[in-house]
């Protein structure tokens, strides 16, 4: 019975993380950035953020609130960990 709840809650945790990432993008830019392609570079825009947020929501402890906050902070944490030399 507990395993059934865990299997059904994973999509909800993913959605909570995606929601947090989406809210973060909207609050940061006052808009969402659509996917674009410039020359040979493909920018995922807000889709990349919500995918990262969804994964962060699933990895965190299983609470919907912490999944939301993990999605909200996931993009900024990865941005600070990865340094780009462009």
PDB file of N, CA and C in Angstrom:
ATOM      1  N   UNK A   1       0.820  -1.178   0.000  1.00  0.00           N
ATOM      2  CA  UNK A   1       0.000   0.000   0.000  1.00  0.00           C
ATOM      3  C   UNK A   1       0.873   1.255   0.000  1.00  0.00           C
ATOM      4  N   UNK A   2       1.944   1.297   0.788  1.00  0.00           N
ATOM      5  CA  UNK A   2       2.814   2.469   0.806  1.00  0.00           C
ATOM      6  C   UNK A   2       3.559   2.597  -0.521  1.00  0.00           C
ATOM      7  N   UNK A   3       3.919   1.457  -1.138  1.00  0.00           N
ATOM      8  CA  UNK A   3       4.597   1.492  -2.424  1.00  0.00           C
ATOM      9  C   UNK A   3       3.684   2.069  -3.503  1.00  0.00           C
ATOM     10  N   UNK A   4       2.403   1.784  -3.428  1.00  0.00           N
ATOM     11  CA  UNK A   4       1.438   2.328  -4.377  1.00  0.00           C
ATOM     12  C   UNK A   4       1.389   3.855  -4.265  1.00  0.00           C
ATOM     13  N   UNK A   5       1.432   4.392  -3.046  1.00  0.00           N
ATOM     14  CA  UNK A   5       1.433   5.840  -2.854  1.00  0.00           C
ATOM     15  C   UNK A   5       2.693   6.467  -3.429  1.00  0.00           C
ATOM     16  N   UNK A   6       3.844   5.809  -3.207  1.00  0.00           N
ATOM     17  CA  UNK A   6       5.113   6.344  -3.715  1.00  0.00           C
ATOM     18  C   UNK A   6       5.094   6.379  -5.233  1.00  0.00           C
ATOM     19  N   UNK A   7       4.591   5.338  -5.878  1.00  0.00           N
ATOM     20  CA  UNK A   7       4.543   5.319  -7.337  1.00  0.00           C
ATOM     21  C   UNK A   7       3.618   6.387  -7.888  1.00  0.00           C
ATOM     22  N   UNK A   8       2.541   6.694  -7.176  1.00  0.00           N
ATOM     23  CA  UNK A   8       1.618   7.706  -7.664  1.00  0.00           C
ATOM     24  C   UNK A   8       2.070   9.115  -7.307  1.00  0.00           C
ATOM     25  N   UNK A   9       2.935   9.255  -6.324  1.00  0.00           N
ATOM     26  CA  UNK A   9       3.345  10.590  -5.924  1.00  0.00           C
ATOM     27  C   UNK A   9       4.523  11.116  -6.741  1.00  0.00           C
ATOM     28  N   UNK A  10       5.259  10.261  -7.444  1.00  0.00           N
ATOM     29  CA  UNK A  10       6.397  10.724  -8.243  1.00  0.00           C
ATOM     30  C   UNK A  10       5.958  11.714  -9.319  1.00  0.00           C
ATOM     31  N   UNK A  11       4.901  11.453 -10.084  1.00  0.00           N
ATOM     32  CA  UNK A  11       4.473  12.481 -11.045  1.00  0.00           C
ATOM     33  C   UNK A  11       4.016  13.773 -10.371  1.00  0.00           C
ATOM     34  N   UNK A  12       3.437  13.671  -9.181  1.00  0.00           N
ATOM     35  CA  UNK A  12       3.023  14.878  -8.470  1.00  0.00           C
ATOM     36  C   UNK A  12       4.230  15.671  -7.980  1.00  0.00           C
ATOM     37  N   UNK A  13       5.265  14.981  -7.522  1.00  0.00           N
ATOM     38  CA  UNK A  13       6.493  15.666  -7.112  1.00  0.00           C
ATOM     39  C   UNK A  13       7.168  16.316  -8.311  1.00  0.00           C
ATOM     40  N   UNK A  14       7.159  15.628  -9.459  1.00  0.00           N
ATOM     41  CA  UNK A  14       7.729  16.192 -10.684  1.00  0.00           C
ATOM     42  C   UNK A  14       6.961  17.458 -11.076  1.00  0.00           C
ATOM     43  N   UNK A  15       5.640  17.405 -10.988  1.00  0.00           N
ATOM     44  CA  UNK A  15       4.812  18.562 -11.315  1.00  0.00           C
ATOM     45  C   UNK A  15       5.042  19.706 -10.328  1.00  0.00           C
ATOM     46  N   UNK A  16       5.223  19.398  -9.049  1.00  0.00           N
ATOM     47  CA  UNK A  16       5.501  20.438  -8.053  1.00  0.00           C
ATOM     48  C   UNK A  16       6.833  21.123  -8.348  1.00  0.00           C
ATOM     49  N   UNK A  17       7.847  20.337  -8.716  1.00  0.00           N
ATOM     50  CA  UNK A  17       9.142  20.913  -9.091  1.00  0.00           C
ATOM     51  C   UNK A  17       9.050  21.750 -10.345  1.00  0.00           C
ATOM     52  N   UNK A  18       8.281  21.271 -11.329  1.00  0.00           N
ATOM     53  CA  UNK A  18       8.078  22.043 -12.557  1.00  0.00           C
ATOM     54  C   UNK A  18       7.368  23.362 -12.257  1.00  0.00           C
ATOM     55  N   UNK A  19       6.394  23.324 -11.369  1.00  0.00           N
ATOM     56  CA  UNK A  19       5.660  24.539 -11.007  1.00  0.00           C
ATOM     57  C   UNK A  19       6.585  25.554 -10.343  1.00  0.00           C
ATOM     58  N   UNK A  20       7.441  25.085  -9.462  1.00  0.00           N
ATOM     59  CA  UNK A  20       8.395  25.977  -8.814  1.00  0.00           C
ATOM     60  C   UNK A  20       9.340  26.623  -9.796  1.00  0.00           C
ATOM     61  N   UNK A  21       9.832  25.851 -10.772  1.00  0.00           N
ATOM     62  CA  UNK A  21      10.737  26.400 -11.778  1.00  0.00           C
ATOM     63  C   UNK A  21      10.016  27.403 -12.681  1.00  0.00           C
ATOM     64  N   UNK A  22       8.771  27.110 -13.023  1.00  0.00           N
ATOM     65  CA  UNK A  22       7.997  28.023 -13.864  1.00  0.00           C
ATOM     66  C   UNK A  22       7.754  29.348 -13.139  1.00  0.00           C
ATOM     67  N   UNK A  23       7.376  29.271 -11.870  1.00  0.00           N
ATOM     68  CA  UNK A  23       7.154  30.484 -11.074  1.00  0.00           C
ATOM     69  C   UNK A  23       8.453  31.279 -10.964  1.00  0.00           C
ATOM     70  N   UNK A  24       9.565  30.591 -10.779  1.00  0.00           N
ATOM     71  CA  UNK A  24      10.862  31.262 -10.689  1.00  0.00           C
ATOM     72  C   UNK A  24      11.177  32.015 -11.974  1.00  0.00           C
ATOM     73  N   UNK A  25      10.948  31.390 -13.124  1.00  0.00           N
ATOM     74  CA  UNK A  25      11.198  32.057 -14.408  1.00  0.00           C
ATOM     75  C   UNK A  25      10.309  33.272 -14.600  1.00  0.00           C
ATOM     76  N   UNK A  26       9.046  33.152 -14.247  1.00  0.00           N
ATOM     77  CA  UNK A  26       8.121  34.268 -14.416  1.00  0.00           C
ATOM     78  C   UNK A  26       8.504  35.424 -13.494  1.00  0.00           C
ATOM     79  N   UNK A  27       8.859  35.128 -12.245  1.00  0.00           N
ATOM     80  CA  UNK A  27       9.225  36.190 -11.318  1.00  0.00           C
ATOM     81  C   UNK A  27      10.561  36.835 -11.672  1.00  0.00           C
ATOM     82  N   UNK A  28      11.482  36.060 -12.215  1.00  0.00           N
ATOM     83  CA  UNK A  28      12.803  36.581 -12.537  1.00  0.00           C
ATOM     84  C   UNK A  28      12.757  37.493 -13.763  1.00  0.00           C
ATOM     85  N   UNK A  29      12.029  37.106 -14.798  1.00  0.00           N
ATOM     86  CA  UNK A  29      12.048  37.846 -16.065  1.00  0.00           C
ATOM     87  C   UNK A  29      10.754  38.606 -16.353  1.00  0.00           C
ATOM     88  N   UNK A  30       9.744  38.431 -15.528  1.00  0.00           N
ATOM     89  CA  UNK A  30       8.404  38.976 -15.785  1.00  0.00           C
ATOM     90  C   UNK A  30       7.812  38.455 -17.090  1.00  0.00           C
ATOM     91  N   UNK A  31       8.337  37.356 -17.568  1.00  0.00           N
ATOM     92  CA  UNK A  31       7.837  36.698 -18.780  1.00  0.00           C
ATOM     93  C   UNK A  31       8.489  35.315 -18.848  1.00  0.00           C
ATOM     94  N   UNK A  32       8.100  34.540 -19.863  1.00  0.00           N
ATOM     95  CA  UNK A  32       8.782  33.274 -20.100  1.00  0.00           C
ATOM     96  C   UNK A  32       9.538  33.384 -21.419  1.00  0.00           C
ATOM     97  N   UNK A  33      10.653  32.728 -21.486  1.00  0.00           N
ATOM     98  CA  UNK A  33      11.485  32.761 -22.686  1.00  0.00           C
ATOM     99  C   UNK A  33      11.214  31.492 -23.481  1.00  0.00           C
ATOM    100  N   UNK A  34      10.746  31.659 -24.691  1.00  0.00           N
ATOM    101  CA  UNK A  34      10.423  30.520 -25.551  1.00  0.00           C
ATOM    102  C   UNK A  34      11.701  29.916 -26.123  1.00  0.00           C
ATOM    103  N   UNK A  35      11.676  28.641 -26.487  1.00  0.00           N
ATOM    104  CA  UNK A  35      12.847  28.024 -27.115  1.00  0.00           C
ATOM    105  C   UNK A  35      13.191  28.718 -28.436  1.00  0.00           C
ATOM    106  N   UNK A  36      14.480  28.941 -28.643  1.00  0.00           N
ATOM    107  CA  UNK A  36      14.948  29.596 -29.871  1.00  0.00           C
ATOM    108  C   UNK A  36      16.172  28.870 -30.409  1.00  0.00           C
ATOM    109  N   UNK A  37      16.446  29.131 -31.678  1.00  0.00           N
ATOM    110  CA  UNK A  37      17.649  28.596 -32.310  1.00  0.00           C
ATOM    111  C   UNK A  37      18.366  29.750 -32.983  1.00  0.00           C
ATOM    112  N   UNK A  38      19.596  29.999 -32.567  1.00  0.00           N
ATOM    113  CA  UNK A  38      20.427  31.040 -33.149  1.00  0.00           C
ATOM    114  C   UNK A  38      21.673  30.356 -33.679  1.00  0.00           C
ATOM    115  N   UNK A  39      21.867  30.424 -34.994  1.00  0.00           N
ATOM    116  CA  UNK A  39      22.962  29.725 -35.673  1.00  0.00           C
ATOM    117  C   UNK A  39      22.889  28.244 -35.344  1.00  0.00           C
ATOM    118  N   UNK A  40      23.918  27.714 -34.706  1.00  0.00           N
ATOM    119  CA  UNK A  40      23.937  26.293 -34.358  1.00  0.00           C
ATOM    120  C   UNK A  40      23.652  26.061 -32.878  1.00  0.00           C
ATOM    121  N   UNK A  41      23.182  27.081 -32.179  1.00  0.00           N
ATOM    122  CA  UNK A  41      22.919  26.966 -30.748  1.00  0.00           C
ATOM    123  C   UNK A  41      21.420  26.938 -30.530  1.00  0.00           C
ATOM    124  N   UNK A  42      20.953  25.892 -29.820  1.00  0.00           N
ATOM    125  CA  UNK A  42      19.535  25.759 -29.500  1.00  0.00           C
ATOM    126  C   UNK A  42      19.342  26.053 -28.024  1.00  0.00           C
ATOM    127  N   UNK A  43      18.583  27.095 -27.714  1.00  0.00           N
ATOM    128  CA  UNK A  43      18.296  27.480 -26.343  1.00  0.00           C
ATOM    129  C   UNK A  43      16.932  26.919 -25.960  1.00  0.00           C
ATOM    130  N   UNK A  44      16.881  26.127 -24.892  1.00  0.00           N
ATOM    131  CA  UNK A  44      15.625  25.505 -24.480  1.00  0.00           C
ATOM    132  C   UNK A  44      14.644  26.477 -23.851  1.00  0.00           C
ATOM    133  N   UNK A  45      15.113  27.614 -23.392  1.00  0.00           N
ATOM    134  CA  UNK A  45      14.230  28.591 -22.774  1.00  0.00           C
ATOM    135  C   UNK A  45      13.646  28.069 -21.475  1.00  0.00           C
ATOM    136  N   UNK A  46      12.355  28.296 -21.271  1.00  0.00           N
ATOM    137  CA  UNK A  46      11.724  27.880 -20.019  1.00  0.00           C
ATOM    138  C   UNK A  46      11.539  26.376 -19.933  1.00  0.00           C
ATOM    139  N   UNK A  47      11.584  25.668 -21.056  1.00  0.00           N
ATOM    140  CA  UNK A  47      11.418  24.212 -21.036  1.00  0.00           C
ATOM    141  C   UNK A  47      12.572  23.542 -20.300  1.00  0.00           C
ATOM    142  N   UNK A  48      13.783  24.036 -20.512  1.00  0.00           N
ATOM    143  CA  UNK A  48      14.935  23.505 -19.787  1.00  0.00           C
ATOM    144  C   UNK A  48      14.816  23.719 -18.289  1.00  0.00           C
ATOM    145  N   UNK A  49      14.309  24.881 -17.923  1.00  0.00           N
ATOM    146  CA  UNK A  49      14.144  25.188 -16.499  1.00  0.00           C
ATOM    147  C   UNK A  49      13.123  24.277 -15.837  1.00  0.00           C
ATOM    148  N   UNK A  50      11.996  24.052 -16.514  1.00  0.00           N
ATOM    149  CA  UNK A  50      10.975  23.222 -15.865  1.00  0.00           C
ATOM    150  C   UNK A  50      11.395  21.754 -15.831  1.00  0.00           C
ATOM    151  N   UNK A  51      12.200  21.305 -16.778  1.00  0.00           N
ATOM    152  CA  UNK A  51      12.709  19.931 -16.708  1.00  0.00           C
ATOM    153  C   UNK A  51      13.673  19.770 -15.537  1.00  0.00           C
ATOM    154  N   UNK A  52      14.562  20.742 -15.361  1.00  0.00           N
ATOM    155  CA  UNK A  52      15.481  20.713 -14.225  1.00  0.00           C
ATOM    156  C   UNK A  52      14.704  20.776 -12.914  1.00  0.00           C
ATOM    157  N   UNK A  53      13.693  21.630 -12.863  1.00  0.00           N
ATOM    158  CA  UNK A  53      12.870  21.752 -11.663  1.00  0.00           C
ATOM    159  C   UNK A  53      12.117  20.477 -11.352  1.00  0.00           C
ATOM    160  N   UNK A  54      11.622  19.796 -12.381  1.00  0.00           N
ATOM    161  CA  UNK A  54      10.917  18.537 -12.169  1.00  0.00           C
ATOM    162  C   UNK A  54      11.820  17.458 -11.613  1.00  0.00           C
ATOM    163  N   UNK A  55      13.013  17.366 -12.144  1.00  0.00           N
ATOM    164  CA  UNK A  55      13.970  16.373 -11.634  1.00  0.00           C
ATOM    165  C   UNK A  55      14.370  16.712 -10.204  1.00  0.00           C
ATOM    166  N   UNK A  56      14.611  17.994  -9.932  1.00  0.00           N
ATOM    167  CA  UNK A  56      14.961  18.402  -8.571  1.00  0.00           C
ATOM    168  C   UNK A  56      13.816  18.086  -7.607  1.00  0.00           C
ATOM    169  N   UNK A  57      12.579  18.248  -8.053  1.00  0.00           N
ATOM    170  CA  UNK A  57      11.438  17.939  -7.211  1.00  0.00           C
ATOM    171  C   UNK A  57      11.339  16.464  -6.876  1.00  0.00           C
ATOM    172  N   UNK A  58      11.718  15.611  -7.803  1.00  0.00           N
ATOM    173  CA  UNK A  58      11.674  14.160  -7.548  1.00  0.00           C
ATOM    174  C   UNK A  58      12.819  13.699  -6.658  1.00  0.00           C
ATOM    175  N   UNK A  59      13.958  14.349  -6.746  1.00  0.00           N
ATOM    176  CA  UNK A  59      15.138  13.919  -5.999  1.00  0.00           C
ATOM    177  C   UNK A  59      15.040  14.298  -4.524  1.00  0.00           C
ATOM    178  N   UNK A  60      14.385  15.401  -4.230  1.00  0.00           N
ATOM    179  CA  UNK A  60      14.289  15.887  -2.849  1.00  0.00           C
ATOM    180  C   UNK A  60      13.363  14.972  -2.054  1.00  0.00           C
ATOM    181  N   UNK A  61      13.292  15.122  -0.772  1.00  0.00           N
ATOM    182  CA  UNK A  61      12.792  14.180   0.214  1.00  0.00           C
ATOM    183  C   UNK A  61      11.372  13.637   0.069  1.00  0.00           C
ATOM    184  N   UNK A  62      10.557  14.085  -0.822  1.00  0.00           N
ATOM    185  CA  UNK A  62       9.229  13.509  -1.005  1.00  0.00           C
ATOM    186  C   UNK A  62       8.095  14.393  -0.541  1.00  0.00           C
ATOM    187  N   UNK A  63       8.394  15.552  -0.030  1.00  0.00           N
ATOM    188  CA  UNK A  63       7.369  16.498   0.373  1.00  0.00           C
ATOM    189  C   UNK A  63       7.055  17.416  -0.809  1.00  0.00           C
ATOM    190  N   UNK A  64       5.792  17.744  -0.970  1.00  0.00           N
ATOM    191  CA  UNK A  64       5.411  18.588  -2.099  1.00  0.00           C
ATOM    192  C   UNK A  64       5.956  20.008  -1.960  1.00  0.00           C
ATOM    193  N   UNK A  65       6.020  20.511  -0.740  1.00  0.00           N
ATOM    194  CA  UNK A  65       6.553  21.848  -0.510  1.00  0.00           C
ATOM    195  C   UNK A  65       8.044  21.904  -0.826  1.00  0.00           C
ATOM    196  N   UNK A  66       8.807  20.909  -0.389  1.00  0.00           N
ATOM    197  CA  UNK A  66      10.232  20.914  -0.691  1.00  0.00           C
ATOM    198  C   UNK A  66      10.486  20.628  -2.165  1.00  0.00           C
ATOM    199  N   UNK A  67       9.598  19.869  -2.816  1.00  0.00           N
ATOM    200  CA  UNK A  67       9.722  19.660  -4.260  1.00  0.00           C
ATOM    201  C   UNK A  67       9.513  20.975  -4.997  1.00  0.00           C
ATOM    202  N   UNK A  68       8.528  21.754  -4.558  1.00  0.00           N
ATOM    203  CA  UNK A  68       8.284  23.060  -5.161  1.00  0.00           C
ATOM    204  C   UNK A  68       9.491  23.971  -4.967  1.00  0.00           C
ATOM    205  N   UNK A  69      10.026  24.004  -3.745  1.00  0.00           N
ATOM    206  CA  UNK A  69      11.179  24.863  -3.470  1.00  0.00           C
ATOM    207  C   UNK A  69      12.428  24.370  -4.195  1.00  0.00           C
ATOM    208  N   UNK A  70      12.573  23.061  -4.356  1.00  0.00           N
ATOM    209  CA  UNK A  70      13.694  22.530  -5.126  1.00  0.00           C
ATOM    210  C   UNK A  70      13.611  22.934  -6.580  1.00  0.00           C
ATOM    211  N   UNK A  71      12.410  22.918  -7.135  1.00  0.00           N
ATOM    212  CA  UNK A  71      12.224  23.393  -8.503  1.00  0.00           C
ATOM    213  C   UNK A  71      12.469  24.874  -8.623  1.00  0.00           C
ATOM    214  N   UNK A  72      12.069  25.618  -7.601  1.00  0.00           N
ATOM    215  CA  UNK A  72      12.258  27.065  -7.601  1.00  0.00           C
ATOM    216  C   UNK A  72      13.741  27.420  -7.581  1.00  0.00           C
ATOM    217  N   UNK A  73      14.535  26.684  -6.814  1.00  0.00           N
ATOM    218  CA  UNK A  73      15.951  26.990  -6.657  1.00  0.00           C
ATOM    219  C   UNK A  73      16.865  26.168  -7.569  1.00  0.00           C
ATOM    220  N   UNK A  74      16.332  25.150  -8.247  1.00  0.00           N
ATOM    221  CA  UNK A  74      17.171  24.240  -9.024  1.00  0.00           C
ATOM    222  C   UNK A  74      17.986  24.915 -10.104  1.00  0.00           C
ATOM    223  N   UNK A  75      17.390  25.808 -10.849  1.00  0.00           N
ATOM    224  CA  UNK A  75      18.086  26.478 -11.947  1.00  0.00           C
ATOM    225  C   UNK A  75      19.213  27.362 -11.431  1.00  0.00           C
ATOM    226  N   UNK A  76      18.956  28.101 -10.370  1.00  0.00           N
ATOM    227  CA  UNK A  76      19.987  29.002  -9.845  1.00  0.00           C
ATOM    228  C   UNK A  76      21.142  28.223  -9.221  1.00  0.00           C
ATOM    229  N   UNK A  77      20.861  27.088  -8.605  1.00  0.00           N
ATOM    230  CA  UNK A  77      21.931  26.274  -8.030  1.00  0.00           C
ATOM    231  C   UNK A  77      22.826  25.725  -9.127  1.00  0.00           C
ATOM    232  N   UNK A  78      22.234  25.206 -10.175  1.00  0.00           N
ATOM    233  CA  UNK A  78      23.031  24.663 -11.281  1.00  0.00           C
ATOM    234  C   UNK A  78      23.797  25.776 -11.980  1.00  0.00           C
ATOM    235  N   UNK A  79      23.182  26.950 -12.121  1.00  0.00           N
ATOM    236  CA  UNK A  79      23.863  28.079 -12.755  1.00  0.00           C
ATOM    237  C   UNK A  79      25.098  28.492 -11.951  1.00  0.00           C
ATOM    238  N   UNK A  80      25.014  28.433 -10.624  1.00  0.00           N
ATOM    239  CA  UNK A  80      26.156  28.787  -9.791  1.00  0.00           C
ATOM    240  C   UNK A  80      27.211  27.693  -9.767  1.00  0.00           C
ATOM    241  N   UNK A  81      26.829  26.439  -9.963  1.00  0.00           N
ATOM    242  CA  UNK A  81      27.806  25.357  -9.967  1.00  0.00           C
ATOM    243  C   UNK A  81      28.592  25.263 -11.266  1.00  0.00           C
ATOM    244  N   UNK A  82      27.931  25.563 -12.371  1.00  0.00           N
ATOM    245  CA  UNK A  82      28.555  25.440 -13.683  1.00  0.00           C
ATOM    246  C   UNK A  82      29.009  26.821 -14.136  1.00  0.00           C
ATOM    247  N   UNK A  83      30.285  26.956 -14.367  1.00  0.00           N
ATOM    248  CA  UNK A  83      30.821  28.227 -14.851  1.00  0.00           C
ATOM    249  C   UNK A  83      31.051  28.106 -16.352  1.00  0.00           C
ATOM    250  N   UNK A  84      30.565  29.103 -17.078  1.00  0.00           N
ATOM    251  CA  UNK A  84      30.724  29.090 -18.542  1.00  0.00           C
ATOM    252  C   UNK A  84      31.859  29.999 -18.948  1.00  0.00           C
ATOM    253  N   UNK A  85      32.608  29.549 -19.906  1.00  0.00           N
ATOM    254  CA  UNK A  85      33.677  30.377 -20.503  1.00  0.00           C
ATOM    255  C   UNK A  85      33.318  30.629 -21.956  1.00  0.00           C
ATOM    256  N   UNK A  86      32.552  31.690 -22.160  1.00  0.00           N
ATOM    257  CA  UNK A  86      32.119  32.017 -23.539  1.00  0.00           C
ATOM    258  C   UNK A  86      32.840  33.262 -23.994  1.00  0.00           C
TER     259      UNK A  86
END
